[in-house]
């Protein structure tokens, strides 16, 4: 089940009145678990067994670590279990495919058989969330949750189950233990966040997907201008798609009385590649910082080691996104970009003498170049696209004028939002008018070509 399906409003109409009735009682966690498992099991009932298993293992592991007996061993058990689940379900077929390629080139006749199983939607998100809890319990950064049902609700909470954000136990579990009253402001803010997210998805992301899919599905049939425009369009499509889901998740969670972390902060206004990763998919980038980069040594062991740690962290981030070499290359491009510009971005010349708009254009160009590998179906397609962009003649990209107009309008809005003129957007009447305009636009103009959320495949 997804937020943009016709089924979700029906699900929520059944779930929400009961939730309001049991909130603050011992039945609240049980009702959240039941609803979340129905939400997840709608994709495939077997998925429920997987998330229940992952939840049970880490709950027991945390209890054993609390006893102080071989804490590191139990942490290893949690890490091996979560990474093992992720590797088997997400990377099994990819590993078999590459092994068979290697065997074929070595003249070995034996072939590895892929697992032949369905890919559980959102597995990367709930395994990372559960793993974070185990690591933080080991570090003493979070108090062990004594209620199994509350912990199960934390791992499976349906607003963030499919595409995150990857919420930390230290933020969400204390909220789940409290019985904070849901106010009218919570309802208003939650509903408006949900509408904004739905607008991003239906009116913007799915509309841009029409052109992006057309070009990227057959890149050999398009020239440089169309490929560049489709790449720019995909940059905004993936932003609208993913930040739209996050807005809807945060909106639904707000209706339940929970405040999830901000996951996107106008990333295409970043004035450095380091700044971009402080604004894009914040829950994941901060996860890799805290649980990969810093444990590797961070920037504490000299410049060369810092660069090596950055490279490994971005490579792992790329592989996290999918079982394909294109994602690994996407991570490497960002690694090289961050390593190459890290010292210059910290210099006084860059901070004080380079106009901010030029820095923003440079960051956007590098990020878009990396998106080519993220979106391309194969490494060969990505290479073809890059080659054509730099060698083919530029001609009419044959795109509807509404597409760049929408992108420029949103970009302009973000510039205003981060300027001193932001106060003009803050009055309640302005916000209400904008939400009403979004609803009207979706009713009249939204694309009927509903696309699955891009990040639910991760």
Protein backbone atom coordinates (compact mmCIF):
# COMPACT_ATOMS: atom_id res chain seq x y z
CA UNK A 1 0.00 0.00 0.00
CA UNK A 2 1.30 3.47 -0.84
CA UNK A 3 0.20 7.00 0.02
CA UNK A 4 -0.75 7.82 -3.57
CA UNK A 5 -3.06 4.82 -3.99
CA UNK A 6 -6.85 4.96 -3.74
CA UNK A 7 -6.65 2.36 -0.96
CA UNK A 8 -4.73 4.52 1.54
CA UNK A 9 -7.60 6.97 2.34
CA UNK A 10 -9.87 3.99 3.07
CA UNK A 11 -7.18 2.41 5.26
CA UNK A 12 -6.64 5.66 7.16
CA UNK A 13 -10.37 6.27 7.67
CA UNK A 14 -10.59 2.91 9.43
CA UNK A 15 -7.31 3.24 11.32
CA UNK A 16 -7.40 6.84 12.60
CA UNK A 17 -10.62 6.92 14.70
CA UNK A 18 -9.55 3.74 16.50
CA UNK A 19 -6.07 5.17 17.04
CA UNK A 20 -7.48 8.34 18.59
CA UNK A 21 -9.64 6.20 20.87
CA UNK A 22 -6.77 4.00 22.11
CA UNK A 23 -3.99 6.62 22.13
CA UNK A 24 -2.53 6.88 25.61
CA UNK A 25 -3.61 3.37 26.53
CA UNK A 26 -1.73 0.08 26.50
CA UNK A 27 -3.51 -0.81 23.25
CA UNK A 28 -1.96 2.04 21.24
CA UNK A 29 1.24 0.17 20.34
CA UNK A 30 -0.69 -2.98 19.48
CA UNK A 31 -2.99 -1.04 17.14
CA UNK A 32 0.00 0.66 15.48
CA UNK A 33 1.67 -2.72 14.89
CA UNK A 34 -1.50 -4.26 13.47
CA UNK A 35 -2.09 -1.29 11.15
CA UNK A 36 1.56 -1.18 10.05
CA UNK A 37 1.63 -4.89 9.30
CA UNK A 38 -1.58 -4.62 7.27
CA UNK A 39 -0.07 -1.64 5.42
CA UNK A 40 3.14 -3.57 4.66
CA UNK A 41 1.51 -6.92 4.10
CA UNK A 42 -0.70 -5.45 1.39
CA UNK A 43 2.32 -5.69 -0.94
CA UNK A 44 2.90 -9.32 0.01
CA UNK A 45 1.79 -11.07 3.25
CA UNK A 46 5.18 -12.81 3.48
CA UNK A 47 6.82 -9.43 4.06
CA UNK A 48 5.19 -9.35 7.49
CA UNK A 49 7.12 -12.46 8.54
CA UNK A 50 10.39 -10.81 7.51
CA UNK A 51 9.88 -7.58 9.45
CA UNK A 52 8.56 -9.50 12.49
CA UNK A 53 11.67 -11.70 12.44
CA UNK A 54 14.04 -8.71 12.18
CA UNK A 55 12.19 -6.97 15.01
CA UNK A 56 12.28 -10.01 17.31
CA UNK A 57 16.01 -10.64 16.81
CA UNK A 58 17.09 -7.08 17.61
CA UNK A 59 14.73 -6.82 20.57
CA UNK A 60 16.31 -9.96 22.08
CA UNK A 61 19.82 -8.82 21.19
CA UNK A 62 19.30 -5.49 23.00
CA UNK A 63 18.00 -7.34 26.07
CA UNK A 64 21.07 -9.60 26.11
CA UNK A 65 23.44 -6.66 25.67
CA UNK A 66 21.82 -4.93 28.63
CA UNK A 67 22.85 -7.86 30.82
CA UNK A 68 26.44 -6.91 30.02
CA UNK A 69 27.50 -10.39 28.91
CA UNK A 70 29.49 -10.42 25.68
CA UNK A 71 27.91 -7.22 24.39
CA UNK A 72 30.14 -7.09 21.34
CA UNK A 73 29.16 -10.63 20.35
CA UNK A 74 25.47 -9.76 20.41
CA UNK A 75 26.13 -6.58 18.45
CA UNK A 76 27.87 -8.70 15.80
CA UNK A 77 24.82 -10.98 15.76
CA UNK A 78 22.55 -7.98 15.09
CA UNK A 79 24.81 -6.56 12.38
CA UNK A 80 25.22 -9.95 10.70
CA UNK A 81 21.49 -10.62 10.83
CA UNK A 82 20.44 -7.27 9.38
CA UNK A 83 23.15 -7.08 6.74
CA UNK A 84 22.55 -10.75 5.94
CA UNK A 85 18.84 -10.16 5.36
CA UNK A 86 19.59 -7.13 3.24
CA UNK A 87 22.26 -8.92 1.22
CA UNK A 88 20.20 -12.04 0.60
CA UNK A 89 16.98 -10.35 -0.47
CA UNK A 90 18.45 -7.30 -2.19
CA UNK A 91 21.74 -8.48 -3.65
CA UNK A 92 21.31 -12.25 -4.12
CA UNK A 93 20.30 -12.08 -7.78
CA UNK A 94 22.96 -9.42 -8.49
CA UNK A 95 25.68 -11.58 -6.91
CA UNK A 96 24.58 -14.63 -8.88
CA UNK A 97 24.55 -12.68 -12.13
CA UNK A 98 28.09 -11.37 -11.61
CA UNK A 99 29.40 -14.75 -10.50
CA UNK A 100 27.99 -16.32 -13.66
CA UNK A 101 29.66 -13.62 -15.76
CA UNK A 102 32.98 -14.34 -14.04
CA UNK A 103 32.58 -18.11 -14.43
CA UNK A 104 31.78 -17.69 -18.14
CA UNK A 105 34.98 -15.69 -18.69
CA UNK A 106 37.00 -18.27 -16.74
CA UNK A 107 35.52 -21.14 -18.74
CA UNK A 108 33.69 -22.63 -15.74
CA UNK A 109 30.48 -24.38 -16.77
CA UNK A 110 28.79 -24.26 -13.36
CA UNK A 111 26.29 -21.44 -12.83
CA UNK A 112 25.05 -19.90 -9.59
CA UNK A 113 21.29 -19.86 -9.21
CA UNK A 114 19.67 -16.59 -8.05
CA UNK A 115 17.47 -16.88 -4.94
CA UNK A 116 14.30 -16.55 -7.04
CA UNK A 117 12.44 -14.51 -4.42
CA UNK A 118 10.50 -11.29 -4.38
CA UNK A 119 12.31 -8.17 -3.25
CA UNK A 120 10.72 -6.91 0.01
CA UNK A 121 9.72 -3.28 -0.48
CA UNK A 122 11.57 -0.85 1.80
CA UNK A 123 13.84 -3.49 3.32
CA UNK A 124 16.81 -1.11 3.40
CA UNK A 125 14.88 1.34 5.54
CA UNK A 126 13.56 -0.92 8.29
CA UNK A 127 16.77 -2.98 8.56
CA UNK A 128 18.84 0.20 8.98
CA UNK A 129 16.35 1.54 11.52
CA UNK A 130 16.49 -1.67 13.55
CA UNK A 131 20.28 -1.89 13.23
CA UNK A 132 20.62 1.67 14.49
CA UNK A 133 18.73 0.70 17.64
CA UNK A 134 21.10 -2.21 18.32
CA UNK A 135 24.21 -0.09 17.78
CA UNK A 136 22.91 2.73 19.96
CA UNK A 137 22.00 0.26 22.72
CA UNK A 138 25.54 -1.10 22.54
CA UNK A 139 26.97 2.42 22.76
CA UNK A 140 24.64 3.36 25.60
CA UNK A 141 23.21 6.18 23.49
CA UNK A 142 19.62 4.96 23.87
CA UNK A 143 17.69 3.25 26.63
CA UNK A 144 16.56 -0.27 25.81
CA UNK A 145 12.87 -0.44 25.04
CA UNK A 146 11.20 -2.84 27.48
CA UNK A 147 7.90 -3.10 25.63
CA UNK A 148 8.17 -5.47 22.70
CA UNK A 149 5.01 -4.02 21.10
CA UNK A 150 6.34 -0.48 21.34
CA UNK A 151 9.62 -1.53 19.77
CA UNK A 152 7.74 -3.40 17.04
CA UNK A 153 5.71 -0.24 16.40
CA UNK A 154 8.94 1.77 16.14
CA UNK A 155 10.45 -0.58 13.53
CA UNK A 156 7.27 -0.94 11.47
CA UNK A 157 5.57 2.46 11.89
CA UNK A 158 3.72 2.65 8.58
CA UNK A 159 4.27 6.33 7.64
CA UNK A 160 8.03 5.79 7.38
CA UNK A 161 8.06 2.05 6.63
CA UNK A 162 8.43 2.07 2.82
CA UNK A 163 10.76 5.01 2.10
CA UNK A 164 11.85 6.37 5.46
CA UNK A 165 13.05 8.64 6.86
CA UNK A 166 15.45 6.39 8.74
CA UNK A 167 14.35 7.66 12.13
CA UNK A 168 16.57 7.13 15.16
CA UNK A 169 15.33 5.30 18.24
CA UNK A 170 16.55 8.15 20.45
CA UNK A 171 14.11 10.51 18.72
CA UNK A 172 11.04 8.36 18.10
CA UNK A 173 10.87 5.90 21.01
CA UNK A 174 10.60 8.66 23.68
CA UNK A 175 7.70 10.15 21.68
CA UNK A 176 6.00 6.75 21.59
CA UNK A 177 6.36 6.37 25.36
CA UNK A 178 4.64 9.69 25.99
CA UNK A 179 0.95 10.37 25.55
CA UNK A 180 1.05 13.82 24.02
CA UNK A 181 -2.33 15.27 23.09
CA UNK A 182 -2.89 15.72 19.36
CA UNK A 183 -3.80 19.38 18.84
CA UNK A 184 -5.66 21.15 16.07
CA UNK A 185 -2.30 22.57 14.98
CA UNK A 186 -0.94 19.04 14.62
CA UNK A 187 -3.88 18.09 12.41
CA UNK A 188 -3.57 21.24 10.29
CA UNK A 189 0.21 20.92 9.88
CA UNK A 190 -0.01 17.20 9.20
CA UNK A 191 -2.72 17.58 6.58
CA UNK A 192 -0.92 20.44 4.82
CA UNK A 193 2.37 18.48 4.79
CA UNK A 194 0.56 15.51 3.28
CA UNK A 195 -1.04 17.67 0.57
CA UNK A 196 2.30 19.29 -0.30
CA UNK A 197 3.91 15.87 -0.58
CA UNK A 198 1.06 14.51 -2.70
CA UNK A 199 1.36 17.56 -4.97
CA UNK A 200 5.09 16.97 -5.39
CA UNK A 201 4.44 13.36 -6.33
CA UNK A 202 1.35 13.55 -8.56
CA UNK A 203 1.66 16.99 -10.13
CA UNK A 204 5.44 17.26 -10.47
CA UNK A 205 7.35 13.97 -10.17
CA UNK A 206 4.94 11.85 -12.18
CA UNK A 207 4.63 14.56 -14.83
CA UNK A 208 8.41 14.86 -15.23
CA UNK A 209 8.63 11.06 -15.40
CA UNK A 210 6.80 11.10 -18.76
CA UNK A 211 9.69 12.90 -20.46
CA UNK A 212 12.47 11.30 -18.42
CA UNK A 213 11.26 7.76 -19.12
CA UNK A 214 10.85 8.49 -22.81
CA UNK A 215 14.45 9.69 -23.18
CA UNK A 216 16.25 7.38 -20.75
CA UNK A 217 14.49 4.25 -22.01
CA UNK A 218 15.96 4.82 -25.48
CA UNK A 219 18.95 7.18 -25.12
CA UNK A 220 20.35 6.19 -28.52
CA UNK A 221 17.38 7.91 -30.18
CA UNK A 222 17.98 11.37 -28.65
CA UNK A 223 20.56 14.11 -29.07
CA UNK A 224 22.55 16.10 -26.54
CA UNK A 225 19.87 18.71 -25.74
CA UNK A 226 17.19 16.13 -24.95
CA UNK A 227 19.62 14.07 -22.84
CA UNK A 228 20.72 17.12 -20.83
CA UNK A 229 17.13 18.27 -20.32
CA UNK A 230 16.00 14.77 -19.34
CA UNK A 231 18.86 14.59 -16.83
CA UNK A 232 17.87 17.93 -15.30
CA UNK A 233 14.26 16.76 -15.28
CA UNK A 234 15.22 13.53 -13.51
CA UNK A 235 17.15 15.49 -10.88
CA UNK A 236 13.92 17.26 -10.01
CA UNK A 237 11.77 14.17 -10.50
CA UNK A 238 13.73 12.16 -7.94
CA UNK A 239 13.69 15.14 -5.57
CA UNK A 240 9.93 15.69 -5.89
CA UNK A 241 9.26 11.96 -5.70
CA UNK A 242 11.35 11.27 -2.61
CA UNK A 243 10.82 14.53 -0.73
CA UNK A 244 7.14 14.21 -1.60
CA UNK A 245 7.00 10.81 0.10
CA UNK A 246 8.89 12.22 3.09
CA UNK A 247 6.46 15.13 3.38
CA UNK A 248 3.52 12.72 3.31
CA UNK A 249 5.21 10.46 5.87
CA UNK A 250 5.92 13.40 8.17
CA UNK A 251 2.38 14.65 7.66
CA UNK A 252 0.75 11.33 8.58
CA UNK A 253 3.11 10.93 11.54
CA UNK A 254 2.16 14.42 12.73
CA UNK A 255 -1.51 13.38 12.63
CA UNK A 256 -0.51 10.52 14.95
CA UNK A 257 1.28 12.89 17.30
CA UNK A 258 4.85 12.07 16.20
CA UNK A 259 7.44 14.43 14.76
CA UNK A 260 9.77 12.80 12.26
CA UNK A 261 13.05 14.40 11.28
CA UNK A 262 13.44 16.74 8.31
CA UNK A 263 14.82 14.66 5.44
CA UNK A 264 15.27 17.30 2.70
CA UNK A 265 16.27 20.92 3.02
CA UNK A 266 16.27 22.51 -0.45
CA UNK A 267 19.29 20.42 -1.59
CA UNK A 268 19.56 22.09 -5.01
CA UNK A 269 20.39 25.37 -3.29
CA UNK A 270 23.52 23.83 -1.74
CA UNK A 271 26.66 25.90 -2.31
CA UNK A 272 29.08 22.99 -1.88
CA UNK A 273 29.07 19.24 -2.43
CA UNK A 274 29.51 18.76 1.31
CA UNK A 275 26.58 21.10 1.88
CA UNK A 276 24.49 19.08 -0.58
CA UNK A 277 24.82 15.97 1.59
CA UNK A 278 23.72 17.96 4.63
CA UNK A 279 20.50 18.76 2.75
CA UNK A 280 19.75 15.62 0.69
CA UNK A 281 18.25 12.48 2.31
CA UNK A 282 19.48 13.77 5.66
CA UNK A 283 18.44 10.67 7.59
CA UNK A 284 20.57 8.43 5.36
CA UNK A 285 23.56 10.75 4.94
CA UNK A 286 23.72 11.30 8.72
CA UNK A 287 23.36 7.51 9.20
CA UNK A 288 26.40 6.82 7.04
CA UNK A 289 28.29 9.62 8.78
CA UNK A 290 27.58 8.26 12.28
CA UNK A 291 27.71 4.51 11.61
CA UNK A 292 30.25 4.18 8.77
CA UNK A 293 32.41 7.29 8.27
CA UNK A 294 33.13 8.11 11.92
CA UNK A 295 33.74 4.46 13.00
CA UNK A 296 36.21 4.17 10.09
CA UNK A 297 38.14 7.04 11.64
CA UNK A 298 36.38 10.04 10.12
CA UNK A 299 38.82 12.91 9.73
CA UNK A 300 40.81 12.07 12.86
CA UNK A 301 43.70 10.15 11.27
CA UNK A 302 45.16 12.46 8.67
CA UNK A 303 44.12 13.73 5.26
CA UNK A 304 44.85 10.56 3.27
CA UNK A 305 42.85 8.40 5.69
CA UNK A 306 40.03 10.98 5.62
CA UNK A 307 39.82 10.72 1.84
CA UNK A 308 39.85 6.92 2.02
CA UNK A 309 37.03 7.00 4.58
CA UNK A 310 35.01 9.37 2.41
CA UNK A 311 35.50 7.13 -0.60
CA UNK A 312 34.39 3.99 1.25
CA UNK A 313 31.38 5.76 2.76
CA UNK A 314 30.11 7.07 -0.58
CA UNK A 315 30.76 3.74 -2.28
CA UNK A 316 28.73 1.93 0.39
CA UNK A 317 26.03 4.57 0.03
CA UNK A 318 25.87 3.89 -3.70
CA UNK A 319 25.64 0.14 -3.19
CA UNK A 320 22.91 0.68 -0.56
CA UNK A 321 20.75 2.25 -3.26
CA UNK A 322 20.59 -0.81 -5.46
CA UNK A 323 22.05 -4.02 -6.81
CA UNK A 324 23.59 -2.57 -9.97
CA UNK A 325 26.98 -1.20 -10.97
CA UNK A 326 25.32 2.06 -11.97
CA UNK A 327 24.59 2.82 -8.30
CA UNK A 328 28.16 2.00 -7.30
CA UNK A 329 29.47 4.41 -9.96
CA UNK A 330 26.99 7.05 -8.74
CA UNK A 331 28.52 6.71 -5.26
CA UNK A 332 32.06 6.89 -6.67
CA UNK A 333 31.25 10.08 -8.62
CA UNK A 334 30.07 11.73 -5.42
CA UNK A 335 33.10 10.40 -3.56
CA UNK A 336 35.53 11.85 -6.12
CA UNK A 337 33.63 15.13 -6.22
CA UNK A 338 33.65 15.55 -2.45
CA UNK A 339 37.31 14.58 -2.14
CA UNK A 340 38.36 16.91 -4.96
CA UNK A 341 36.51 19.94 -3.63
CA UNK A 342 36.69 19.38 0.12
CA UNK A 343 39.67 21.63 0.90
CA UNK A 344 38.72 24.30 -1.63
CA UNK A 345 35.20 24.56 -0.21
CA UNK A 346 36.75 25.27 3.18
CA UNK A 347 39.03 28.02 1.87
CA UNK A 348 38.42 31.74 2.37
CA UNK A 349 38.59 32.26 -1.41
CA UNK A 350 35.67 29.90 -1.99
CA UNK A 351 33.61 31.17 0.93
CA UNK A 352 34.11 34.89 0.38
CA UNK A 353 35.00 35.53 -3.27
CA UNK A 354 33.05 33.01 -5.33
CA UNK A 355 29.46 34.22 -5.87
CA UNK A 356 26.96 31.93 -4.14
CA UNK A 357 24.90 31.50 -7.29
CA UNK A 358 27.92 30.20 -9.22
CA UNK A 359 28.66 27.75 -6.41
CA UNK A 360 25.07 26.55 -6.51
CA UNK A 361 25.20 26.07 -10.29
CA UNK A 362 28.43 24.10 -10.01
CA UNK A 363 26.99 21.80 -7.32
CA UNK A 364 23.81 21.27 -9.32
CA UNK A 365 25.83 20.41 -12.44
CA UNK A 366 27.96 17.81 -10.60
CA UNK A 367 24.92 16.30 -8.90
CA UNK A 368 23.11 16.06 -12.24
CA UNK A 369 26.13 14.38 -13.83
CA UNK A 370 26.01 11.78 -11.08
CA UNK A 371 22.24 11.32 -11.60
CA UNK A 372 22.99 10.03 -15.12
CA UNK A 373 24.48 6.85 -13.61
CA UNK A 374 21.72 6.60 -11.03
CA UNK A 375 18.95 6.72 -13.64
CA UNK A 376 20.51 4.88 -16.58
CA UNK A 377 19.39 1.28 -17.00
CA UNK A 378 22.94 0.01 -17.58
CA UNK A 379 26.51 1.24 -17.42
CA UNK A 380 26.54 1.10 -21.21
CA UNK A 381 23.52 3.41 -21.42
CA UNK A 382 25.16 5.82 -18.97
CA UNK A 383 28.34 5.88 -21.05
CA UNK A 384 26.32 6.52 -24.21
CA UNK A 385 24.45 9.39 -22.58
CA UNK A 386 27.65 11.04 -21.34
CA UNK A 387 29.30 10.62 -24.73
CA UNK A 388 26.33 12.08 -26.63
CA UNK A 389 26.03 15.05 -24.28
CA UNK A 390 29.61 16.07 -25.00
CA UNK A 391 29.85 15.10 -28.67
CA UNK A 392 26.41 15.29 -30.31
CA UNK A 393 25.02 18.42 -31.93
CA UNK A 394 22.38 20.31 -29.97
CA UNK A 395 18.89 20.38 -31.44
CA UNK A 396 15.30 20.85 -30.34
CA UNK A 397 14.76 18.61 -27.26
CA UNK A 398 11.04 18.36 -28.09
CA UNK A 399 9.81 18.87 -24.56
CA UNK A 400 6.61 20.59 -23.40
CA UNK A 401 7.22 24.16 -22.22
CA UNK A 402 5.27 23.43 -19.04
CA UNK A 403 8.07 21.15 -17.83
CA UNK A 404 10.89 23.73 -17.54
CA UNK A 405 8.33 26.31 -16.40
CA UNK A 406 7.33 24.15 -13.41
CA UNK A 407 10.97 23.48 -12.52
CA UNK A 408 11.89 27.16 -12.69
CA UNK A 409 8.85 28.10 -10.61
CA UNK A 410 9.79 25.66 -7.85
CA UNK A 411 13.44 26.69 -7.97
CA UNK A 412 12.43 30.36 -7.71
CA UNK A 413 10.19 29.53 -4.73
CA UNK A 414 13.11 27.83 -2.98
CA UNK A 415 15.38 30.83 -3.59
CA UNK A 416 12.75 33.10 -2.05
CA UNK A 417 12.30 30.66 0.85
CA UNK A 418 16.02 30.86 1.71
CA UNK A 419 16.18 34.65 1.30
CA UNK A 420 15.10 37.54 3.50
CA UNK A 421 11.80 37.55 1.61
CA UNK A 422 10.86 34.28 3.32
CA UNK A 423 8.61 36.19 5.71
CA UNK A 424 6.28 36.87 2.77
CA UNK A 425 5.55 33.13 2.55
CA UNK A 426 4.91 32.59 6.25
CA UNK A 427 1.50 34.23 6.95
CA UNK A 428 -1.30 31.70 7.39
CA UNK A 429 -3.47 33.13 4.57
CA UNK A 430 -0.60 32.76 2.10
CA UNK A 431 0.02 29.17 3.16
CA UNK A 432 -3.68 28.30 2.96
CA UNK A 433 -3.94 29.80 -0.53
CA UNK A 434 -0.92 27.81 -1.69
CA UNK A 435 -2.38 24.55 -0.36
CA UNK A 436 -5.74 25.29 -2.00
CA UNK A 437 -3.96 26.05 -5.28
CA UNK A 438 -2.12 22.72 -5.07
CA UNK A 439 -5.37 20.83 -4.50
CA UNK A 440 -7.05 22.55 -7.44
CA UNK A 441 -4.03 21.90 -9.67
CA UNK A 442 -4.03 18.20 -8.75
CA UNK A 443 -7.73 17.89 -9.48
CA UNK A 444 -7.52 19.63 -12.84
CA UNK A 445 -4.02 19.00 -14.20
CA UNK A 446 -2.29 16.17 -12.31
CA UNK A 447 -0.97 13.37 -14.51
CA UNK A 448 -3.00 10.17 -14.61
CA UNK A 449 0.26 8.30 -15.22
CA UNK A 450 0.78 7.28 -11.59
CA UNK A 451 4.33 6.03 -11.01
CA UNK A 452 5.63 3.94 -8.10
CA UNK A 453 7.83 5.81 -5.65
CA UNK A 454 11.43 5.64 -6.84
CA UNK A 455 12.91 4.91 -3.42
CA UNK A 456 10.49 2.14 -2.47
CA UNK A 457 12.67 -0.20 -4.57
CA UNK A 458 15.53 0.45 -2.14
